[in-house]
Amino acid sequence: MIAEFRQDYAALLNKRLAARDVRAVMREIMPKLYEKRRILLALWQIETRRHRLFQEMQGLLRQEFLAQAAAKFPGRDKNWEFQATLFATCVLTTLRFYFEQNILPPVEQVMSDWREMFDIMHGNL
């Protein structure tokens, strides 16, 4: 079951990365993940040497972020690890937060909340 979720998630990630309109794809993907929220929440609790789905999903997000950063900024000599880790953590923590409350994550609101969060920390409000 974990392997199946891992494959499904990788396929959703690939779809998202191939899209030009990220928000439209996220609005399409979110209900599919939300339908499986109870199973995902249960599987995310399992942590063994062989099974760590939450961490594996974070790893996939990190890898995709690193690939996107390298493609978008090919000449930039920068260690993207911090941003990749932060991004993956934010995405999966957001999913877990909404899934635990039985709420379909509102894509537009989440993106707005993330921007606002960084604005608050920068004192830009």
PDB file of N, CA and C in Angstrom:
ATOM      1  N   MET A   1       0.817  -1.192   0.000  1.00  0.00           N
ATOM      2  CA  MET A   1       0.000   0.000   0.000  1.00  0.00           C
ATOM      3  C   MET A   1       0.868   1.267   0.000  1.00  0.00           C
ATOM      4  N   ILE A   2       1.928   1.259   0.788  1.00  0.00           N
ATOM      5  CA  ILE A   2       2.819   2.419   0.826  1.00  0.00           C
ATOM      6  C   ILE A   2       3.489   2.614  -0.526  1.00  0.00           C
ATOM      7  N   ALA A   3       3.921   1.524  -1.140  1.00  0.00           N
ATOM      8  CA  ALA A   3       4.557   1.629  -2.461  1.00  0.00           C
ATOM      9  C   ALA A   3       3.582   2.207  -3.479  1.00  0.00           C
ATOM     10  N   GLU A   4       2.317   1.817  -3.386  1.00  0.00           N
ATOM     11  CA  GLU A   4       1.298   2.338  -4.296  1.00  0.00           C
ATOM     12  C   GLU A   4       1.106   3.846  -4.096  1.00  0.00           C
ATOM     13  N   PHE A   5       1.047   4.285  -2.848  1.00  0.00           N
ATOM     14  CA  PHE A   5       0.908   5.719  -2.586  1.00  0.00           C
ATOM     15  C   PHE A   5       2.134   6.488  -3.067  1.00  0.00           C
ATOM     16  N   ARG A   6       3.295   5.896  -2.872  1.00  0.00           N
ATOM     17  CA  ARG A   6       4.531   6.537  -3.322  1.00  0.00           C
ATOM     18  C   ARG A   6       4.496   6.743  -4.834  1.00  0.00           C
ATOM     19  N   GLN A   7       4.057   5.725  -5.566  1.00  0.00           N
ATOM     20  CA  GLN A   7       3.963   5.821  -7.027  1.00  0.00           C
ATOM     21  C   GLN A   7       2.918   6.848  -7.452  1.00  0.00           C
ATOM     22  N   ASP A   8       1.764   6.822  -6.788  1.00  0.00           N
ATOM     23  CA  ASP A   8       0.709   7.790  -7.104  1.00  0.00           C
ATOM     24  C   ASP A   8       1.191   9.216  -6.867  1.00  0.00           C
ATOM     25  N   TYR A   9       1.876   9.416  -5.761  1.00  0.00           N
ATOM     26  CA  TYR A   9       2.368  10.750  -5.415  1.00  0.00           C
ATOM     27  C   TYR A   9       3.418  11.212  -6.424  1.00  0.00           C
ATOM     28  N   ALA A  10       4.306  10.321  -6.810  1.00  0.00           N
ATOM     29  CA  ALA A  10       5.320  10.666  -7.815  1.00  0.00           C
ATOM     30  C   ALA A  10       4.656  11.054  -9.133  1.00  0.00           C
ATOM     31  N   ALA A  11       3.606  10.343  -9.507  1.00  0.00           N
ATOM     32  CA  ALA A  11       2.882  10.674 -10.745  1.00  0.00           C
ATOM     33  C   ALA A  11       2.216  12.044 -10.640  1.00  0.00           C
ATOM     34  N   LEU A  12       1.621  12.350  -9.483  1.00  0.00           N
ATOM     35  CA  LEU A  12       1.009  13.668  -9.284  1.00  0.00           C
ATOM     36  C   LEU A  12       2.058  14.773  -9.331  1.00  0.00           C
ATOM     37  N   LEU A  13       3.214  14.504  -8.739  1.00  0.00           N
ATOM     38  CA  LEU A  13       4.304  15.489  -8.777  1.00  0.00           C
ATOM     39  C   LEU A  13       4.755  15.746 -10.207  1.00  0.00           C
ATOM     40  N   ASN A  14       4.897  14.693 -10.975  1.00  0.00           N
ATOM     41  CA  ASN A  14       5.307  14.849 -12.377  1.00  0.00           C
ATOM     42  C   ASN A  14       4.292  15.663 -13.158  1.00  0.00           C
ATOM     43  N   LYS A  15       3.017  15.425 -12.891  1.00  0.00           N
ATOM     44  CA  LYS A  15       1.961  16.181 -13.564  1.00  0.00           C
ATOM     45  C   LYS A  15       2.059  17.657 -13.200  1.00  0.00           C
ATOM     46  N   ARG A  16       2.282  17.933 -11.935  1.00  0.00           N
ATOM     47  CA  ARG A  16       2.400  19.311 -11.469  1.00  0.00           C
ATOM     48  C   ARG A  16       3.601  20.000 -12.115  1.00  0.00           C
ATOM     49  N   LEU A  17       4.712  19.301 -12.204  1.00  0.00           N
ATOM     50  CA  LEU A  17       5.934  19.901 -12.743  1.00  0.00           C
ATOM     51  C   LEU A  17       5.857  20.126 -14.243  1.00  0.00           C
ATOM     52  N   ALA A  18       5.062  19.327 -14.925  1.00  0.00           N
ATOM     53  CA  ALA A  18       4.924  19.475 -16.374  1.00  0.00           C
ATOM     54  C   ALA A  18       3.942  20.583 -16.741  1.00  0.00           C
ATOM     55  N   ALA A  19       3.209  21.066 -15.769  1.00  0.00           N
ATOM     56  CA  ALA A  19       2.146  22.040 -16.039  1.00  0.00           C
ATOM     57  C   ALA A  19       2.684  23.457 -16.155  1.00  0.00           C
ATOM     58  N   ARG A  20       2.026  24.227 -16.998  1.00  0.00           N
ATOM     59  CA  ARG A  20       2.346  25.652 -17.106  1.00  0.00           C
ATOM     60  C   ARG A  20       1.580  26.440 -16.051  1.00  0.00           C
ATOM     61  N   ASP A  21       0.339  26.029 -15.790  1.00  0.00           N
ATOM     62  CA  ASP A  21      -0.498  26.703 -14.801  1.00  0.00           C
ATOM     63  C   ASP A  21      -0.504  25.873 -13.516  1.00  0.00           C
ATOM     64  N   VAL A  22       0.404  26.205 -12.620  1.00  0.00           N
ATOM     65  CA  VAL A  22       0.586  25.431 -11.393  1.00  0.00           C
ATOM     66  C   VAL A  22      -0.688  25.427 -10.551  1.00  0.00           C
ATOM     67  N   ARG A  23      -1.326  26.570 -10.428  1.00  0.00           N
ATOM     68  CA  ARG A  23      -2.523  26.648  -9.585  1.00  0.00           C
ATOM     69  C   ARG A  23      -3.649  25.763 -10.117  1.00  0.00           C
ATOM     70  N   ALA A  24      -3.825  25.743 -11.422  1.00  0.00           N
ATOM     71  CA  ALA A  24      -4.874  24.899 -12.009  1.00  0.00           C
ATOM     72  C   ALA A  24      -4.598  23.427 -11.726  1.00  0.00           C
ATOM     73  N   VAL A  25      -3.359  23.022 -11.867  1.00  0.00           N
ATOM     74  CA  VAL A  25      -3.006  21.625 -11.609  1.00  0.00           C
ATOM     75  C   VAL A  25      -3.164  21.310 -10.126  1.00  0.00           C
ATOM     76  N   MET A  26      -2.778  22.241  -9.268  1.00  0.00           N
ATOM     77  CA  MET A  26      -2.930  22.011  -7.834  1.00  0.00           C
ATOM     78  C   MET A  26      -4.404  21.882  -7.454  1.00  0.00           C
ATOM     79  N   ARG A  27      -5.257  22.671  -8.087  1.00  0.00           N
ATOM     80  CA  ARG A  27      -6.700  22.555  -7.820  1.00  0.00           C
ATOM     81  C   ARG A  27      -7.231  21.198  -8.293  1.00  0.00           C
ATOM     82  N   GLU A  28      -6.586  20.620  -9.289  1.00  0.00           N
ATOM     83  CA  GLU A  28      -6.974  19.290  -9.773  1.00  0.00           C
ATOM     84  C   GLU A  28      -6.413  18.189  -8.873  1.00  0.00           C
ATOM     85  N   ILE A  29      -5.180  18.346  -8.422  1.00  0.00           N
ATOM     86  CA  ILE A  29      -4.501  17.326  -7.624  1.00  0.00           C
ATOM     87  C   ILE A  29      -5.047  17.250  -6.197  1.00  0.00           C
ATOM     88  N   MET A  30      -5.316  18.396  -5.608  1.00  0.00           N
ATOM     89  CA  MET A  30      -5.708  18.444  -4.198  1.00  0.00           C
ATOM     90  C   MET A  30      -6.899  17.545  -3.864  1.00  0.00           C
ATOM     91  N   PRO A  31      -7.984  17.561  -4.649  1.00  0.00           N
ATOM     92  CA  PRO A  31      -9.102  16.666  -4.312  1.00  0.00           C
ATOM     93  C   PRO A  31      -8.715  15.182  -4.343  1.00  0.00           C
ATOM     94  N   LYS A  32      -7.796  14.821  -5.231  1.00  0.00           N
ATOM     95  CA  LYS A  32      -7.356  13.424  -5.305  1.00  0.00           C
ATOM     96  C   LYS A  32      -6.605  13.028  -4.040  1.00  0.00           C
ATOM     97  N   LEU A  33      -5.749  13.919  -3.560  1.00  0.00           N
ATOM     98  CA  LEU A  33      -5.048  13.645  -2.305  1.00  0.00           C
ATOM     99  C   LEU A  33      -6.021  13.661  -1.129  1.00  0.00           C
ATOM    100  N   TYR A  34      -6.937  14.604  -1.165  1.00  0.00           N
ATOM    101  CA  TYR A  34      -7.900  14.740  -0.073  1.00  0.00           C
ATOM    102  C   TYR A  34      -8.770  13.490   0.070  1.00  0.00           C
ATOM    103  N   GLU A  35      -9.151  12.891  -1.039  1.00  0.00           N
ATOM    104  CA  GLU A  35      -9.945  11.656  -0.999  1.00  0.00           C
ATOM    105  C   GLU A  35      -9.226  10.559  -0.225  1.00  0.00           C
ATOM    106  N   LYS A  36      -7.914  10.583  -0.254  1.00  0.00           N
ATOM    107  CA  LYS A  36      -7.107   9.544   0.387  1.00  0.00           C
ATOM    108  C   LYS A  36      -6.543  10.002   1.728  1.00  0.00           C
ATOM    109  N   ARG A  37      -7.054  11.106   2.262  1.00  0.00           N
ATOM    110  CA  ARG A  37      -6.467  11.714   3.455  1.00  0.00           C
ATOM    111  C   ARG A  37      -6.423  10.776   4.656  1.00  0.00           C
ATOM    112  N   ARG A  38      -7.476  10.012   4.897  1.00  0.00           N
ATOM    113  CA  ARG A  38      -7.493   9.144   6.083  1.00  0.00           C
ATOM    114  C   ARG A  38      -6.405   8.080   5.993  1.00  0.00           C
ATOM    115  N   ILE A  39      -6.277   7.504   4.822  1.00  0.00           N
ATOM    116  CA  ILE A  39      -5.235   6.492   4.624  1.00  0.00           C
ATOM    117  C   ILE A  39      -3.860   7.145   4.707  1.00  0.00           C
ATOM    118  N   LEU A  40      -3.713   8.307   4.071  1.00  0.00           N
ATOM    119  CA  LEU A  40      -2.424   9.007   4.121  1.00  0.00           C
ATOM    120  C   LEU A  40      -2.041   9.352   5.553  1.00  0.00           C
ATOM    121  N   LEU A  41      -2.970   9.898   6.317  1.00  0.00           N
ATOM    122  CA  LEU A  41      -2.669  10.253   7.704  1.00  0.00           C
ATOM    123  C   LEU A  41      -2.222   9.031   8.498  1.00  0.00           C
ATOM    124  N   ALA A  42      -2.862   7.897   8.254  1.00  0.00           N
ATOM    125  CA  ALA A  42      -2.467   6.663   8.945  1.00  0.00           C
ATOM    126  C   ALA A  42      -1.085   6.200   8.491  1.00  0.00           C
ATOM    127  N   LEU A  43      -0.850   6.220   7.187  1.00  0.00           N
ATOM    128  CA  LEU A  43       0.449   5.766   6.669  1.00  0.00           C
ATOM    129  C   LEU A  43       1.577   6.694   7.090  1.00  0.00           C
ATOM    130  N   TRP A  44       1.286   7.976   7.234  1.00  0.00           N
ATOM    131  CA  TRP A  44       2.310   8.928   7.672  1.00  0.00           C
ATOM    132  C   TRP A  44       2.762   8.656   9.108  1.00  0.00           C
ATOM    133  N   GLN A  45       1.948   7.941   9.863  1.00  0.00           N
ATOM    134  CA  GLN A  45       2.304   7.614  11.248  1.00  0.00           C
ATOM    135  C   GLN A  45       3.298   6.456  11.333  1.00  0.00           C
ATOM    136  N   ILE A  46       3.377   5.677  10.280  1.00  0.00           N
ATOM    137  CA  ILE A  46       4.249   4.501  10.277  1.00  0.00           C
ATOM    138  C   ILE A  46       5.685   4.937  10.001  1.00  0.00           C
ATOM    139  N   GLU A  47       6.549   4.611  10.939  1.00  0.00           N
ATOM    140  CA  GLU A  47       7.975   4.910  10.764  1.00  0.00           C
ATOM    141  C   GLU A  47       8.783   3.680  11.139  1.00  0.00           C
ATOM    142  N   THR A  48       9.216   2.980  10.124  1.00  0.00           N
ATOM    143  CA  THR A  48      10.102   1.838  10.317  1.00  0.00           C
ATOM    144  C   THR A  48      11.299   2.039   9.393  1.00  0.00           C
ATOM    145  N   ARG A  49      12.224   1.115   9.446  1.00  0.00           N
ATOM    146  CA  ARG A  49      13.373   1.232   8.531  1.00  0.00           C
ATOM    147  C   ARG A  49      12.935   1.135   7.081  1.00  0.00           C
ATOM    148  N   ARG A  50      11.883   0.377   6.824  1.00  0.00           N
ATOM    149  CA  ARG A  50      11.418   0.185   5.445  1.00  0.00           C
ATOM    150  C   ARG A  50      10.339   1.168   5.021  1.00  0.00           C
ATOM    151  N   HIS A  51       9.570   1.646   5.978  1.00  0.00           N
ATOM    152  CA  HIS A  51       8.417   2.475   5.630  1.00  0.00           C
ATOM    153  C   HIS A  51       8.442   3.803   6.382  1.00  0.00           C
ATOM    154  N   ARG A  52       8.559   4.866   5.623  1.00  0.00           N
ATOM    155  CA  ARG A  52       8.524   6.230   6.159  1.00  0.00           C
ATOM    156  C   ARG A  52       7.936   7.116   5.064  1.00  0.00           C
ATOM    157  N   LEU A  53       6.648   6.939   4.802  1.00  0.00           N
ATOM    158  CA  LEU A  53       6.019   7.595   3.658  1.00  0.00           C
ATOM    159  C   LEU A  53       6.110   9.117   3.729  1.00  0.00           C
ATOM    160  N   PHE A  54       5.863   9.695   4.897  1.00  0.00           N
ATOM    161  CA  PHE A  54       5.913  11.154   5.015  1.00  0.00           C
ATOM    162  C   PHE A  54       7.297  11.666   4.610  1.00  0.00           C
ATOM    163  N   GLN A  55       8.340  11.053   5.146  1.00  0.00           N
ATOM    164  CA  GLN A  55       9.705  11.464   4.822  1.00  0.00           C
ATOM    165  C   GLN A  55      10.043  11.185   3.360  1.00  0.00           C
ATOM    166  N   GLU A  56       9.522  10.084   2.829  1.00  0.00           N
ATOM    167  CA  GLU A  56       9.772   9.774   1.420  1.00  0.00           C
ATOM    168  C   GLU A  56       9.111  10.805   0.510  1.00  0.00           C
ATOM    169  N   MET A  57       7.900  11.223   0.878  1.00  0.00           N
ATOM    170  CA  MET A  57       7.217  12.250   0.091  1.00  0.00           C
ATOM    171  C   MET A  57       7.970  13.579   0.186  1.00  0.00           C
ATOM    172  N   GLN A  58       8.488  13.885   1.372  1.00  0.00           N
ATOM    173  CA  GLN A  58       9.318  15.085   1.513  1.00  0.00           C
ATOM    174  C   GLN A  58      10.546  14.987   0.618  1.00  0.00           C
ATOM    175  N   GLY A  59      11.152  13.820   0.587  1.00  0.00           N
ATOM    176  CA  GLY A  59      12.330  13.617  -0.249  1.00  0.00           C
ATOM    177  C   GLY A  59      12.028  13.829  -1.725  1.00  0.00           C
ATOM    178  N   LEU A  60      10.888  13.326  -2.183  1.00  0.00           N
ATOM    179  CA  LEU A  60      10.498  13.535  -3.582  1.00  0.00           C
ATOM    180  C   LEU A  60      10.303  15.019  -3.879  1.00  0.00           C
ATOM    181  N   LEU A  61       9.653  15.728  -2.970  1.00  0.00           N
ATOM    182  CA  LEU A  61       9.468  17.173  -3.153  1.00  0.00           C
ATOM    183  C   LEU A  61      10.809  17.901  -3.184  1.00  0.00           C
ATOM    184  N   ARG A  62      11.704  17.517  -2.284  1.00  0.00           N
ATOM    185  CA  ARG A  62      13.036  18.140  -2.249  1.00  0.00           C
ATOM    186  C   ARG A  62      13.760  17.926  -3.576  1.00  0.00           C
ATOM    187  N   GLN A  63      13.743  16.692  -4.064  1.00  0.00           N
ATOM    188  CA  GLN A  63      14.421  16.379  -5.322  1.00  0.00           C
ATOM    189  C   GLN A  63      13.841  17.187  -6.472  1.00  0.00           C
ATOM    190  N   GLU A  64      12.532  17.292  -6.519  1.00  0.00           N
ATOM    191  CA  GLU A  64      11.896  18.047  -7.598  1.00  0.00           C
ATOM    192  C   GLU A  64      12.210  19.536  -7.489  1.00  0.00           C
ATOM    193  N   PHE A  65      12.250  20.063  -6.275  1.00  0.00           N
ATOM    194  CA  PHE A  65      12.616  21.467  -6.095  1.00  0.00           C
ATOM    195  C   PHE A  65      14.045  21.695  -6.589  1.00  0.00           C
ATOM    196  N   LEU A  66      14.950  20.819  -6.200  1.00  0.00           N
ATOM    197  CA  LEU A  66      16.350  20.954  -6.621  1.00  0.00           C
ATOM    198  C   LEU A  66      16.474  20.902  -8.141  1.00  0.00           C
ATOM    199  N   ALA A  67      15.732  20.004  -8.774  1.00  0.00           N
ATOM    200  CA  ALA A  67      15.766  19.901 -10.237  1.00  0.00           C
ATOM    201  C   ALA A  67      15.219  21.175 -10.877  1.00  0.00           C
ATOM    202  N   GLN A  68      14.117  21.701 -10.337  1.00  0.00           N
ATOM    203  CA  GLN A  68      13.530  22.934 -10.869  1.00  0.00           C
ATOM    204  C   GLN A  68      14.476  24.118 -10.682  1.00  0.00           C
ATOM    205  N   ALA A  69      15.096  24.216  -9.519  1.00  0.00           N
ATOM    206  CA  ALA A  69      16.022  25.321  -9.250  1.00  0.00           C
ATOM    207  C   ALA A  69      17.207  25.272 -10.211  1.00  0.00           C
ATOM    208  N   ALA A  70      17.749  24.082 -10.426  1.00  0.00           N
ATOM    209  CA  ALA A  70      18.885  23.936 -11.338  1.00  0.00           C
ATOM    210  C   ALA A  70      18.493  24.286 -12.768  1.00  0.00           C
ATOM    211  N   ALA A  71      17.267  23.922 -13.158  1.00  0.00           N
ATOM    212  CA  ALA A  71      16.807  24.215 -14.520  1.00  0.00           C
ATOM    213  C   ALA A  71      16.526  25.704 -14.709  1.00  0.00           C
ATOM    214  N   LYS A  72      15.960  26.342 -13.700  1.00  0.00           N
ATOM    215  CA  LYS A  72      15.597  27.760 -13.821  1.00  0.00           C
ATOM    216  C   LYS A  72      16.779  28.695 -13.632  1.00  0.00           C
ATOM    217  N   PHE A  73      17.766  28.262 -12.861  1.00  0.00           N
ATOM    218  CA  PHE A  73      18.941  29.092 -12.587  1.00  0.00           C
ATOM    219  C   PHE A  73      20.214  28.286 -12.838  1.00  0.00           C
ATOM    220  N   PRO A  74      20.457  27.887 -14.100  1.00  0.00           N
ATOM    221  CA  PRO A  74      21.558  26.966 -14.390  1.00  0.00           C
ATOM    222  C   PRO A  74      22.944  27.506 -14.047  1.00  0.00           C
ATOM    223  N   GLY A  75      23.145  28.792 -14.149  1.00  0.00           N
ATOM    224  CA  GLY A  75      24.474  29.331 -13.890  1.00  0.00           C
ATOM    225  C   GLY A  75      24.706  29.756 -12.460  1.00  0.00           C
ATOM    226  N   ARG A  76      23.677  29.711 -11.661  1.00  0.00           N
ATOM    227  CA  ARG A  76      23.783  30.205 -10.291  1.00  0.00           C
ATOM    228  C   ARG A  76      24.488  29.175  -9.417  1.00  0.00           C
ATOM    229  N   ASP A  77      25.577  29.595  -8.832  1.00  0.00           N
ATOM    230  CA  ASP A  77      26.325  28.724  -7.932  1.00  0.00           C
ATOM    231  C   ASP A  77      25.745  28.900  -6.528  1.00  0.00           C
ATOM    232  N   LYS A  78      24.792  28.052  -6.206  1.00  0.00           N
ATOM    233  CA  LYS A  78      24.108  28.185  -4.928  1.00  0.00           C
ATOM    234  C   LYS A  78      23.740  26.807  -4.413  1.00  0.00           C
ATOM    235  N   ASN A  79      23.820  26.656  -3.131  1.00  0.00           N
ATOM    236  CA  ASN A  79      23.365  25.430  -2.499  1.00  0.00           C
ATOM    237  C   ASN A  79      21.869  25.584  -2.223  1.00  0.00           C
ATOM    238  N   TRP A  80      21.056  24.860  -2.954  1.00  0.00           N
ATOM    239  CA  TRP A  80      19.605  24.973  -2.859  1.00  0.00           C
ATOM    240  C   TRP A  80      19.011  24.077  -1.783  1.00  0.00           C
ATOM    241  N   GLU A  81      19.827  23.344  -1.067  1.00  0.00           N
ATOM    242  CA  GLU A  81      19.331  22.356  -0.103  1.00  0.00           C
ATOM    243  C   GLU A  81      18.394  22.960   0.943  1.00  0.00           C
ATOM    244  N   PHE A  82      18.762  24.123   1.487  1.00  0.00           N
ATOM    245  CA  PHE A  82      17.927  24.732   2.518  1.00  0.00           C
ATOM    246  C   PHE A  82      16.541  25.043   1.979  1.00  0.00           C
ATOM    247  N   GLN A  83      16.488  25.697   0.820  1.00  0.00           N
ATOM    248  CA  GLN A  83      15.195  26.058   0.250  1.00  0.00           C
ATOM    249  C   GLN A  83      14.387  24.816  -0.124  1.00  0.00           C
ATOM    250  N   ALA A  84      15.043  23.805  -0.622  1.00  0.00           N
ATOM    251  CA  ALA A  84      14.349  22.567  -0.986  1.00  0.00           C
ATOM    252  C   ALA A  84      13.739  21.912   0.252  1.00  0.00           C
ATOM    253  N   THR A  85      14.500  21.886   1.332  1.00  0.00           N
ATOM    254  CA  THR A  85      14.007  21.298   2.577  1.00  0.00           C
ATOM    255  C   THR A  85      12.852  22.116   3.142  1.00  0.00           C
ATOM    256  N   LEU A  86      12.999  23.424   3.129  1.00  0.00           N
ATOM    257  CA  LEU A  86      11.943  24.307   3.626  1.00  0.00           C
ATOM    258  C   LEU A  86      10.662  24.145   2.804  1.00  0.00           C
ATOM    259  N   PHE A  87      10.807  24.111   1.493  1.00  0.00           N
ATOM    260  CA  PHE A  87       9.650  23.952   0.606  1.00  0.00           C
ATOM    261  C   PHE A  87       8.926  22.634   0.882  1.00  0.00           C
ATOM    262  N   ALA A  88       9.674  21.549   0.918  1.00  0.00           N
ATOM    263  CA  ALA A  88       9.069  20.233   1.141  1.00  0.00           C
ATOM    264  C   ALA A  88       8.375  20.170   2.497  1.00  0.00           C
ATOM    265  N   THR A  89       8.994  20.750   3.499  1.00  0.00           N
ATOM    266  CA  THR A  89       8.403  20.768   4.833  1.00  0.00           C
ATOM    267  C   THR A  89       7.109  21.568   4.844  1.00  0.00           C
ATOM    268  N   CYS A  90       7.114  22.726   4.218  1.00  0.00           N
ATOM    269  CA  CYS A  90       5.902  23.563   4.161  1.00  0.00           C
ATOM    270  C   CYS A  90       4.762  22.849   3.440  1.00  0.00           C
ATOM    271  N   VAL A  91       5.060  22.242   2.318  1.00  0.00           N
ATOM    272  CA  VAL A  91       4.013  21.577   1.536  1.00  0.00           C
ATOM    273  C   VAL A  91       3.372  20.447   2.333  1.00  0.00           C
ATOM    274  N   LEU A  92       4.192  19.559   2.876  1.00  0.00           N
ATOM    275  CA  LEU A  92       3.618  18.403   3.560  1.00  0.00           C
ATOM    276  C   LEU A  92       3.012  18.763   4.910  1.00  0.00           C
ATOM    277  N   THR A  93       3.562  19.736   5.587  1.00  0.00           N
ATOM    278  CA  THR A  93       2.953  20.189   6.840  1.00  0.00           C
ATOM    279  C   THR A  93       1.600  20.825   6.564  1.00  0.00           C
ATOM    280  N   THR A  94       1.500  21.552   5.466  1.00  0.00           N
ATOM    281  CA  THR A  94       0.218  22.141   5.065  1.00  0.00           C
ATOM    282  C   THR A  94      -0.806  21.049   4.785  1.00  0.00           C
ATOM    283  N   LEU A  95      -0.402  20.046   4.021  1.00  0.00           N
ATOM    284  CA  LEU A  95      -1.322  18.942   3.732  1.00  0.00           C
ATOM    285  C   LEU A  95      -1.787  18.268   5.018  1.00  0.00           C
ATOM    286  N   ARG A  96      -0.844  17.959   5.877  1.00  0.00           N
ATOM    287  CA  ARG A  96      -1.205  17.278   7.125  1.00  0.00           C
ATOM    288  C   ARG A  96      -2.147  18.151   7.958  1.00  0.00           C
ATOM    289  N   PHE A  97      -1.862  19.446   8.062  1.00  0.00           N
ATOM    290  CA  PHE A  97      -2.703  20.366   8.835  1.00  0.00           C
ATOM    291  C   PHE A  97      -4.153  20.321   8.351  1.00  0.00           C
ATOM    292  N   TYR A  98      -4.354  20.482   7.059  1.00  0.00           N
ATOM    293  CA  TYR A  98      -5.714  20.493   6.517  1.00  0.00           C
ATOM    294  C   TYR A  98      -6.365  19.116   6.570  1.00  0.00           C
ATOM    295  N   PHE A  99      -5.618  18.072   6.259  1.00  0.00           N
ATOM    296  CA  PHE A  99      -6.186  16.725   6.282  1.00  0.00           C
ATOM    297  C   PHE A  99      -6.646  16.340   7.687  1.00  0.00           C
ATOM    298  N   GLU A 100      -5.869  16.719   8.702  1.00  0.00           N
ATOM    299  CA  GLU A 100      -6.253  16.408  10.080  1.00  0.00           C
ATOM    300  C   GLU A 100      -7.546  17.109  10.474  1.00  0.00           C
ATOM    301  N   GLN A 101      -7.850  18.218   9.822  1.00  0.00           N
ATOM    302  CA  GLN A 101      -9.083  18.952  10.104  1.00  0.00           C
ATOM    303  C   GLN A 101     -10.216  18.584   9.141  1.00  0.00           C
ATOM    304  N   ASN A 102      -9.960  17.608   8.281  1.00  0.00           N
ATOM    305  CA  ASN A 102     -10.937  17.193   7.258  1.00  0.00           C
ATOM    306  C   ASN A 102     -11.372  18.358   6.380  1.00  0.00           C
ATOM    307  N   ILE A 103     -10.403  19.139   5.971  1.00  0.00           N
ATOM    308  CA  ILE A 103     -10.647  20.282   5.092  1.00  0.00           C
ATOM    309  C   ILE A 103      -9.816  20.103   3.829  1.00  0.00           C
ATOM    310  N   LEU A 104     -10.471  20.252   2.692  1.00  0.00           N
ATOM    311  CA  LEU A 104      -9.752  20.247   1.421  1.00  0.00           C
ATOM    312  C   LEU A 104      -8.858  21.479   1.389  1.00  0.00           C
ATOM    313  N   PRO A 105      -7.543  21.311   1.240  1.00  0.00           N
ATOM    314  CA  PRO A 105      -6.664  22.484   1.244  1.00  0.00           C
ATOM    315  C   PRO A 105      -7.051  23.479   0.149  1.00  0.00           C
ATOM    316  N   PRO A 106      -7.356  24.721   0.537  1.00  0.00           N
ATOM    317  CA  PRO A 106      -7.714  25.740  -0.448  1.00  0.00           C
ATOM    318  C   PRO A 106      -6.446  26.302  -1.094  1.00  0.00           C
ATOM    319  N   VAL A 107      -6.175  25.895  -2.301  1.00  0.00           N
ATOM    320  CA  VAL A 107      -4.908  26.202  -2.975  1.00  0.00           C
ATOM    321  C   VAL A 107      -4.606  27.695  -2.968  1.00  0.00           C
ATOM    322  N   GLU A 108      -5.542  28.503  -3.413  1.00  0.00           N
ATOM    323  CA  GLU A 108      -5.294  29.950  -3.485  1.00  0.00           C
ATOM    324  C   GLU A 108      -5.017  30.524  -2.104  1.00  0.00           C
ATOM    325  N   GLN A 109      -5.786  30.083  -1.107  1.00  0.00           N
ATOM    326  CA  GLN A 109      -5.612  30.603   0.250  1.00  0.00           C
ATOM    327  C   GLN A 109      -4.265  30.183   0.823  1.00  0.00           C
ATOM    328  N   VAL A 110      -3.877  28.948   0.582  1.00  0.00           N
ATOM    329  CA  VAL A 110      -2.587  28.461   1.084  1.00  0.00           C
ATOM    330  C   VAL A 110      -1.444  29.282   0.495  1.00  0.00           C
ATOM    331  N   MET A 111      -1.477  29.513  -0.801  1.00  0.00           N
ATOM    332  CA  MET A 111      -0.412  30.300  -1.437  1.00  0.00           C
ATOM    333  C   MET A 111      -0.394  31.720  -0.882  1.00  0.00           C
ATOM    334  N   SER A 112      -1.556  32.288  -0.675  1.00  0.00           N
ATOM    335  CA  SER A 112      -1.652  33.623  -0.089  1.00  0.00           C
ATOM    336  C   SER A 112      -1.117  33.620   1.347  1.00  0.00           C
ATOM    337  N   ASP A 113      -1.465  32.597   2.107  1.00  0.00           N
ATOM    338  CA  ASP A 113      -0.990  32.495   3.493  1.00  0.00           C
ATOM    339  C   ASP A 113       0.526  32.375   3.553  1.00  0.00           C
ATOM    340  N   TRP A 114       1.114  31.613   2.635  1.00  0.00           N
ATOM    341  CA  TRP A 114       2.572  31.484   2.622  1.00  0.00           C
ATOM    342  C   TRP A 114       3.232  32.827   2.339  1.00  0.00           C
ATOM    343  N   ARG A 115       2.711  33.549   1.344  1.00  0.00           N
ATOM    344  CA  ARG A 115       3.268  34.879   1.042  1.00  0.00           C
ATOM    345  C   ARG A 115       3.142  35.791   2.257  1.00  0.00           C
ATOM    346  N   GLU A 116       1.977  35.773   2.875  1.00  0.00           N
ATOM    347  CA  GLU A 116       1.743  36.616   4.041  1.00  0.00           C
ATOM    348  C   GLU A 116       2.683  36.247   5.185  1.00  0.00           C
ATOM    349  N   MET A 117       2.909  34.954   5.385  1.00  0.00           N
ATOM    350  CA  MET A 117       3.805  34.492   6.439  1.00  0.00           C
ATOM    351  C   MET A 117       5.200  35.095   6.266  1.00  0.00           C
ATOM    352  N   PHE A 118       5.712  35.059   5.040  1.00  0.00           N
ATOM    353  CA  PHE A 118       7.039  35.615   4.804  1.00  0.00           C
ATOM    354  C   PHE A 118       7.027  37.136   4.884  1.00  0.00           C
ATOM    355  N   ASP A 119       5.944  37.757   4.453  1.00  0.00           N
ATOM    356  CA  ASP A 119       5.828  39.208   4.595  1.00  0.00           C
ATOM    357  C   ASP A 119       5.855  39.612   6.063  1.00  0.00           C
ATOM    358  N   ILE A 120       5.149  38.868   6.899  1.00  0.00           N
ATOM    359  CA  ILE A 120       5.136  39.165   8.333  1.00  0.00           C
ATOM    360  C   ILE A 120       6.542  39.078   8.900  1.00  0.00           C
ATOM    361  N   MET A 121       7.246  38.037   8.544  1.00  0.00           N
ATOM    362  CA  MET A 121       8.595  37.848   9.082  1.00  0.00           C
ATOM    363  C   MET A 121       9.584  38.877   8.551  1.00  0.00           C
ATOM    364  N   HIS A 122       9.300  39.442   7.387  1.00  0.00           N
ATOM    365  CA  HIS A 122      10.154  40.494   6.833  1.00  0.00           C
ATOM    366  C   HIS A 122       9.703  41.876   7.266  1.00  0.00           C
ATOM    367  N   GLY A 123       8.584  41.952   7.948  1.00  0.00           N
ATOM    368  CA  GLY A 123       8.065  43.245   8.374  1.00  0.00           C
ATOM    369  C   GLY A 123       7.491  44.056   7.231  1.00  0.00           C
ATOM    370  N   ASN A 124       7.000  43.387   6.193  1.00  0.00           N
ATOM    371  CA  ASN A 124       6.516  44.079   4.998  1.00  0.00           C
ATOM    372  C   ASN A 124       5.028  44.393   5.029  1.00  0.00           C
ATOM    373  N   LEU A 125       4.369  44.164   6.127  1.00  0.00           N
ATOM    374  CA  LEU A 125       2.925  44.457   6.158  1.00  0.00           C
ATOM    375  C   LEU A 125       2.668  45.849   6.667  1.00  0.00           C
TER     376      LEU A 125
END
